[in-house]
Every structure is written in structure tokens, then in C-alpha cells.
N, C-alpha and C. Protein backbone atom coordinates (compact mmCIF):
# COMPACT_ATOMS: atom_id res chain seq x y z
N UNK A 1 -44.69 127.37 -109.07
CA UNK A 1 -44.16 128.02 -110.25
C UNK A 1 -45.29 127.65 -111.12
N UNK A 2 -45.76 128.66 -111.65
CA UNK A 2 -47.07 128.48 -112.70
C UNK A 2 -46.43 127.55 -114.02
N UNK A 3 -47.54 126.55 -114.24
CA UNK A 3 -47.41 125.81 -115.27
C UNK A 3 -46.80 126.84 -117.10
N UNK A 4 -47.54 127.87 -117.05
CA UNK A 4 -47.43 128.42 -118.21
C UNK A 4 -45.91 129.28 -118.12
N UNK A 5 -45.29 129.45 -116.94
CA UNK A 5 -43.82 130.16 -117.05
C UNK A 5 -43.01 129.23 -117.36
N UNK A 6 -43.25 127.90 -116.72
CA UNK A 6 -42.44 126.38 -117.11
C UNK A 6 -42.53 126.39 -118.74
N UNK A 7 -43.37 126.42 -119.18
CA UNK A 7 -43.38 126.29 -120.46
C UNK A 7 -43.03 127.39 -121.35
N UNK A 8 -42.90 128.30 -120.91
CA UNK A 8 -41.96 129.46 -121.38
C UNK A 8 -40.55 129.31 -121.71
N UNK A 9 -39.91 128.64 -120.26
CA UNK A 9 -38.85 128.39 -119.97
C UNK A 9 -38.07 127.09 -120.60
N UNK A 10 -39.09 126.21 -120.95
CA UNK A 10 -38.97 125.14 -121.97
C UNK A 10 -38.97 125.25 -123.32
N UNK A 11 -38.80 126.39 -123.91
CA UNK A 11 -38.87 126.52 -125.36
C UNK A 11 -37.65 126.37 -125.94
N UNK A 12 -36.71 125.77 -125.46
CA UNK A 12 -35.41 125.56 -125.80
C UNK A 12 -35.40 124.76 -127.06
N UNK A 13 -34.45 124.00 -127.87
CA UNK A 13 -34.48 123.51 -128.75
C UNK A 13 -33.79 121.75 -128.36
N UNK A 14 -33.37 121.43 -127.09
CA UNK A 14 -32.60 120.47 -126.91
C UNK A 14 -33.68 119.38 -126.60
N UNK A 15 -33.33 117.98 -127.05
CA UNK A 15 -34.12 116.79 -126.67
C UNK A 15 -34.95 116.75 -125.19
N UNK A 16 -34.32 117.31 -124.17
CA UNK A 16 -34.76 117.21 -123.00
C UNK A 16 -35.78 117.92 -122.83
N UNK A 17 -35.43 119.43 -123.08
CA UNK A 17 -36.59 120.54 -122.88
C UNK A 17 -37.64 120.47 -123.80
N UNK A 18 -37.76 119.69 -124.92
CA UNK A 18 -39.00 119.56 -126.00
C UNK A 18 -39.75 118.64 -125.54
N UNK A 19 -38.94 117.48 -124.98
CA UNK A 19 -39.97 116.36 -124.14
C UNK A 19 -40.69 116.60 -122.97
N UNK A 20 -39.73 117.37 -122.16
CA UNK A 20 -40.31 117.93 -120.85
C UNK A 20 -41.28 118.78 -121.19
N UNK A 21 -41.55 119.49 -122.21
CA UNK A 21 -42.49 120.46 -122.46
C UNK A 21 -43.76 119.63 -122.84
N UNK A 22 -43.45 118.75 -123.88
CA UNK A 22 -44.40 117.59 -124.19
C UNK A 22 -44.94 117.17 -123.07
N UNK A 23 -44.15 116.40 -122.25
CA UNK A 23 -44.99 115.77 -120.86
C UNK A 23 -45.79 116.83 -119.96
N UNK A 24 -45.46 117.97 -119.82
CA UNK A 24 -45.95 119.10 -119.35
C UNK A 24 -47.32 119.08 -119.80
N UNK A 25 -47.27 119.34 -120.91
CA UNK A 25 -48.66 119.73 -121.77
C UNK A 25 -49.38 118.62 -122.16
N UNK A 26 -49.09 117.38 -121.89
CA UNK A 26 -49.81 116.11 -121.71
C UNK A 26 -50.13 115.51 -120.16
N UNK A 27 -50.00 116.26 -119.41
CA UNK A 27 -50.69 116.04 -118.29
C UNK A 27 -49.99 115.56 -117.18
N UNK A 28 -48.59 115.96 -117.40
CA UNK A 28 -47.48 115.51 -116.44
C UNK A 28 -47.59 116.47 -115.48
N UNK A 29 -46.98 115.83 -114.05
CA UNK A 29 -46.93 116.63 -112.90
C UNK A 29 -45.64 117.68 -112.87
N UNK A 30 -45.81 118.64 -112.22
CA UNK A 30 -44.43 119.42 -112.02
C UNK A 30 -44.52 120.16 -110.66
N UNK A 31 -43.04 120.36 -110.13
CA UNK A 31 -42.80 120.93 -108.88
C UNK A 31 -41.49 121.79 -109.03
N UNK A 32 -41.57 122.88 -108.58
CA UNK A 32 -40.19 123.71 -108.42
C UNK A 32 -40.22 124.01 -106.99
N UNK A 33 -38.73 123.49 -106.63
CA UNK A 33 -38.87 123.52 -105.18
C UNK A 33 -38.44 124.92 -104.72
N UNK A 34 -38.97 125.06 -103.27
CA UNK A 34 -37.98 126.66 -102.73
C UNK A 34 -36.80 125.94 -102.58
N UNK A 35 -35.93 127.30 -102.26
CA UNK A 35 -34.65 127.21 -101.84
C UNK A 35 -33.55 126.90 -103.46
N UNK A 36 -32.26 127.06 -103.00
CA UNK A 36 -31.36 126.94 -103.92
C UNK A 36 -30.32 125.91 -103.65
N UNK A 37 -29.43 125.36 -104.32
CA UNK A 37 -28.36 124.33 -104.17
C UNK A 37 -27.16 124.99 -104.99
N UNK A 38 -25.79 124.69 -104.41
CA UNK A 38 -24.91 125.36 -105.38
C UNK A 38 -24.60 124.46 -106.61
N UNK A 39 -24.27 125.11 -107.52
CA UNK A 39 -24.08 124.54 -109.06
C UNK A 39 -22.94 123.73 -108.71
N UNK A 40 -22.23 123.95 -108.16
CA UNK A 40 -20.85 122.75 -108.09
C UNK A 40 -21.44 121.37 -107.46
N UNK A 41 -22.00 121.67 -106.27
CA UNK A 41 -22.54 120.32 -105.39
C UNK A 41 -23.53 119.70 -106.53
N UNK A 42 -24.23 120.21 -107.15
CA UNK A 42 -25.49 119.52 -108.31
C UNK A 42 -24.02 118.76 -109.52
N UNK A 43 -23.14 119.55 -109.89
CA UNK A 43 -22.48 119.13 -110.86
C UNK A 43 -21.84 117.73 -110.32
N UNK A 44 -21.29 117.59 -109.23
CA UNK A 44 -20.96 116.58 -108.66
C UNK A 44 -21.84 115.40 -108.63
N UNK A 45 -23.10 115.53 -108.00
CA UNK A 45 -23.90 114.70 -108.13
C UNK A 45 -24.45 114.11 -109.44
N UNK A 46 -24.42 115.19 -110.34
CA UNK A 46 -24.94 114.72 -111.56
C UNK A 46 -23.74 114.01 -112.71
N UNK A 47 -22.54 114.25 -112.28
CA UNK A 47 -21.38 113.43 -112.77
C UNK A 47 -21.60 111.96 -112.38
N UNK A 48 -22.01 111.94 -111.04
CA UNK A 48 -22.22 110.45 -110.70
C UNK A 48 -23.41 109.69 -111.37
N UNK A 49 -24.25 110.45 -111.32
CA UNK A 49 -25.47 110.01 -111.93
C UNK A 49 -25.60 109.55 -113.26
N UNK A 50 -24.47 110.44 -114.21
CA UNK A 50 -24.36 110.30 -115.59
C UNK A 50 -23.53 109.04 -115.41
N UNK A 51 -22.33 108.51 -114.77
CA UNK A 51 -21.73 107.39 -114.76
C UNK A 51 -22.77 106.22 -114.76
N UNK A 52 -23.41 106.20 -113.47
CA UNK A 52 -24.45 105.06 -113.17
C UNK A 52 -25.30 104.80 -114.43
N UNK A 53 -26.07 105.78 -114.88
CA UNK A 53 -26.93 105.79 -116.20
C UNK A 53 -26.06 105.03 -117.46
N UNK A 54 -24.83 105.24 -117.67
CA UNK A 54 -24.24 104.69 -118.35
C UNK A 54 -23.79 103.29 -118.26
N UNK A 55 -23.40 103.15 -117.08
CA UNK A 55 -23.15 101.84 -116.74
C UNK A 55 -24.26 100.59 -116.65
N UNK A 56 -25.50 101.16 -116.20
CA UNK A 56 -26.70 100.38 -116.21
C UNK A 56 -27.73 100.27 -117.46
N UNK A 57 -27.03 101.37 -118.36
CA UNK A 57 -27.82 101.35 -119.59
C UNK A 57 -29.23 101.79 -119.58
N UNK A 58 -29.06 102.83 -118.92
CA UNK A 58 -30.36 103.46 -118.58
C UNK A 58 -30.62 104.90 -119.63
N UNK A 59 -31.75 104.69 -120.28
CA UNK A 59 -31.76 106.00 -121.25
C UNK A 59 -31.98 107.30 -120.76
N UNK A 60 -31.20 108.48 -121.20
CA UNK A 60 -31.25 109.90 -120.67
C UNK A 60 -31.30 110.62 -121.82
N UNK A 61 -31.63 111.76 -121.37
CA UNK A 61 -31.54 113.27 -122.64
C UNK A 61 -30.86 114.02 -121.72
N UNK A 62 -29.76 114.46 -122.70
CA UNK A 62 -29.06 115.75 -122.29
C UNK A 62 -28.54 115.99 -121.05
N UNK A 63 -28.12 114.58 -120.41
CA UNK A 63 -27.60 114.54 -118.87
C UNK A 63 -25.96 114.97 -119.10
N UNK A 64 -25.45 114.56 -120.12
CA UNK A 64 -23.90 115.16 -120.35
C UNK A 64 -23.79 116.67 -120.50
N UNK A 65 -24.72 117.35 -121.50
CA UNK A 65 -24.49 118.50 -121.42
C UNK A 65 -25.03 119.47 -120.32
N UNK A 66 -26.14 118.63 -119.31
CA UNK A 66 -26.44 119.29 -118.12
C UNK A 66 -25.09 119.03 -117.12
N UNK A 67 -24.25 118.01 -117.11
CA UNK A 67 -23.07 117.98 -116.42
C UNK A 67 -22.40 119.22 -116.61
N UNK A 68 -22.09 119.49 -118.17
CA UNK A 68 -21.21 120.72 -118.44
C UNK A 68 -21.76 122.04 -117.98
N UNK A 69 -22.91 122.41 -118.00
CA UNK A 69 -23.50 123.36 -117.88
C UNK A 69 -23.36 124.02 -116.35
N UNK A 70 -23.87 122.69 -115.47
CA UNK A 70 -23.53 123.03 -114.25
C UNK A 70 -22.11 123.22 -113.71
N UNK A 71 -21.31 122.36 -114.31
CA UNK A 71 -19.75 122.94 -113.76
C UNK A 71 -19.34 124.11 -114.29
N UNK A 72 -19.85 124.75 -115.04
CA UNK A 72 -19.71 126.24 -115.87
C UNK A 72 -20.21 127.25 -114.98
N UNK A 73 -21.34 126.72 -114.21
CA UNK A 73 -22.41 127.71 -113.67
C UNK A 73 -22.07 128.22 -112.25
N UNK A 74 -22.10 129.35 -112.01
CA UNK A 74 -21.25 130.02 -110.90
C UNK A 74 -22.07 130.49 -109.84
N UNK A 75 -23.56 130.42 -110.01
CA UNK A 75 -24.45 130.83 -109.06
C UNK A 75 -25.27 129.70 -108.36
N UNK A 76 -26.10 129.91 -107.41
CA UNK A 76 -27.17 128.94 -106.79
C UNK A 76 -28.14 128.78 -107.98
N UNK A 77 -28.48 127.36 -107.82
CA UNK A 77 -29.44 126.64 -108.70
C UNK A 77 -30.77 126.28 -107.83
N UNK A 78 -31.96 126.83 -108.71
CA UNK A 78 -33.33 126.15 -108.23
C UNK A 78 -33.43 125.12 -109.03
N UNK A 79 -34.17 124.21 -108.05
CA UNK A 79 -34.33 122.99 -108.98
C UNK A 79 -35.82 122.54 -108.78
N UNK A 80 -36.23 121.71 -109.96
CA UNK A 80 -37.78 121.70 -110.47
C UNK A 80 -37.82 120.22 -111.20
N UNK A 81 -38.84 119.81 -111.21
CA UNK A 81 -39.08 118.59 -111.80
C UNK A 81 -40.38 118.14 -112.55
N UNK A 82 -40.23 117.46 -113.70
CA UNK A 82 -41.70 117.65 -114.64
C UNK A 82 -41.52 115.80 -114.56
N UNK A 83 -42.63 115.21 -114.20
CA UNK A 83 -42.91 113.68 -114.25
C UNK A 83 -44.27 113.53 -115.43
N UNK A 84 -43.55 112.76 -116.21
CA UNK A 84 -44.40 112.22 -117.48
C UNK A 84 -45.92 111.83 -116.86
N UNK A 85 -46.80 111.98 -117.47
CA UNK A 85 -48.14 111.49 -117.04
C UNK A 85 -48.37 110.07 -116.83
N UNK A 86 -47.67 109.19 -117.54
CA UNK A 86 -47.31 107.98 -118.02
C UNK A 86 -46.30 107.15 -116.87
N UNK A 87 -45.53 108.17 -116.19
CA UNK A 87 -44.54 107.63 -115.31
C UNK A 87 -43.26 107.24 -115.87
N UNK A 88 -43.22 107.52 -117.38
CA UNK A 88 -41.90 106.84 -118.16
C UNK A 88 -41.05 107.61 -118.34
N UNK A 89 -40.86 108.86 -117.80
CA UNK A 89 -39.67 109.83 -117.63
C UNK A 89 -39.88 110.49 -116.64
N UNK A 90 -38.77 110.76 -116.20
CA UNK A 90 -38.68 112.34 -115.20
C UNK A 90 -37.45 113.08 -115.49
N UNK A 91 -38.20 114.45 -115.48
CA UNK A 91 -37.13 115.49 -116.17
C UNK A 91 -36.60 116.37 -115.12
N UNK A 92 -35.44 116.65 -114.67
CA UNK A 92 -34.94 117.71 -113.85
C UNK A 92 -34.58 118.72 -114.33
N UNK A 93 -35.17 120.06 -113.84
CA UNK A 93 -34.89 121.36 -114.28
C UNK A 93 -33.79 122.16 -113.29
N UNK A 94 -33.23 122.75 -113.94
CA UNK A 94 -32.20 123.38 -113.25
C UNK A 94 -32.49 124.92 -113.59
N UNK A 95 -32.64 125.67 -112.83
CA UNK A 95 -33.13 126.87 -112.99
C UNK A 95 -32.35 128.18 -112.51
N UNK A 96 -32.34 129.20 -112.70
CA UNK A 96 -31.68 130.33 -112.06
C UNK A 96 -32.11 130.21 -110.85
N UNK A 97 -31.48 131.28 -109.96
CA UNK A 97 -31.83 131.25 -108.63
C UNK A 97 -33.21 132.02 -108.38
N UNK A 98 -33.70 132.75 -109.15
CA UNK A 98 -35.08 133.50 -109.14
C UNK A 98 -35.96 132.71 -109.87
N UNK A 99 -35.57 131.73 -110.59
CA UNK A 99 -36.62 130.75 -111.12
C UNK A 99 -36.63 131.69 -112.63
N UNK A 100 -36.15 132.60 -113.19
CA UNK A 100 -36.52 133.16 -114.41
C UNK A 100 -35.70 132.78 -115.59
N UNK A 101 -35.12 131.57 -115.37
CA UNK A 101 -34.31 131.23 -116.32
C UNK A 101 -33.93 129.69 -116.45
N UNK A 102 -33.83 128.98 -117.53
CA UNK A 102 -33.42 127.53 -117.32
C UNK A 102 -31.84 127.32 -117.94
N UNK A 103 -31.22 126.87 -116.80
CA UNK A 103 -29.59 126.79 -116.91
C UNK A 103 -29.57 125.33 -118.12
N UNK A 104 -30.67 124.22 -117.30
CA UNK A 104 -30.20 122.99 -118.17
C UNK A 104 -31.47 122.17 -117.75
N UNK A 105 -31.92 121.26 -118.66
CA UNK A 105 -32.70 120.27 -118.48
C UNK A 105 -32.22 118.89 -118.82
N UNK A 106 -32.47 117.70 -118.06
CA UNK A 106 -32.37 116.40 -118.56
C UNK A 106 -33.27 115.67 -118.17
N UNK A 107 -33.32 114.47 -118.80
CA UNK A 107 -34.63 113.67 -118.68
C UNK A 107 -34.19 112.16 -118.34
N UNK A 108 -34.85 111.38 -117.39
CA UNK A 108 -34.23 110.30 -117.38
C UNK A 108 -35.41 109.13 -117.45
N UNK A 109 -35.17 108.00 -118.05
CA UNK A 109 -36.20 107.10 -118.32
C UNK A 109 -36.48 106.04 -117.20
N UNK A 110 -37.61 106.07 -116.67
CA UNK A 110 -37.76 105.24 -115.40
C UNK A 110 -38.23 103.54 -115.76
N UNK A 111 -37.68 102.89 -114.78
CA UNK A 111 -37.81 101.62 -114.96
C UNK A 111 -39.15 101.04 -114.92
N UNK A 112 -39.61 100.12 -115.48
CA UNK A 112 -40.80 99.74 -115.61
C UNK A 112 -40.98 98.59 -115.15
N UNK A 113 -42.00 98.04 -113.85
CA UNK A 113 -41.98 96.89 -113.39
C UNK A 113 -43.00 96.03 -113.97
N UNK A 114 -42.74 94.83 -114.13
CA UNK A 114 -43.33 93.71 -114.53
C UNK A 114 -43.03 93.83 -115.99
């Protein structure tokens, strides 16, 4: 997927989309994978991740809202990812099946070694 299309899709107002867009524009890497996954299975996975990040005190952006949106979404979801150039954050993008719309975006701060 072209960087320019991702930039347009991330034009939302939530913190995660704004931060993901900034990471992309500041040299972050991006990928959008082929194929789709059911929103229901992703919802279950991200409910567990939400519990884990809360338990471990890991900083996230928009994870609770992402879980809610995936729980309501009735169609297959295409996944993408943006990794900040400095590796400090990873953003998961949940796209419509054809990649033309953003369902949700969440960010998870990455642990720093040393």
C-alpha cells in the first residue's frame, strides 16, 4: 500500500491515528499485509492484549476503542502496521477488506533494552 494512501487514511482525530501519521511522516516503516482476518477473532485477540498491557503497565493509545470497534465490525479486516523510526512505538492498523478505509488504529509502546 502506498504511503500517501496510508497518510490519507490516518487523517482522524484520535491520538493513535495522529501519532501513527507522525511516525510514518518521520521515517517510520509501514506494511499492509495481504489477506484478511475476521473482526471477531481480532476482537478476542485484542481484548487479551488490552488486559495484558494494563496488567503490565504498558502504555497504549486507543486500544480500548479499537477493541470496541472490532467487536462491532461485521466484515473481514485487513491488517497493517507502522513502526516508529526509533522503535519506540508500533501502531496496528485495522483496515476495511479492500484497504480503502480505516476501522481503528492502536499504538503500543515498545520496551527499551538497557
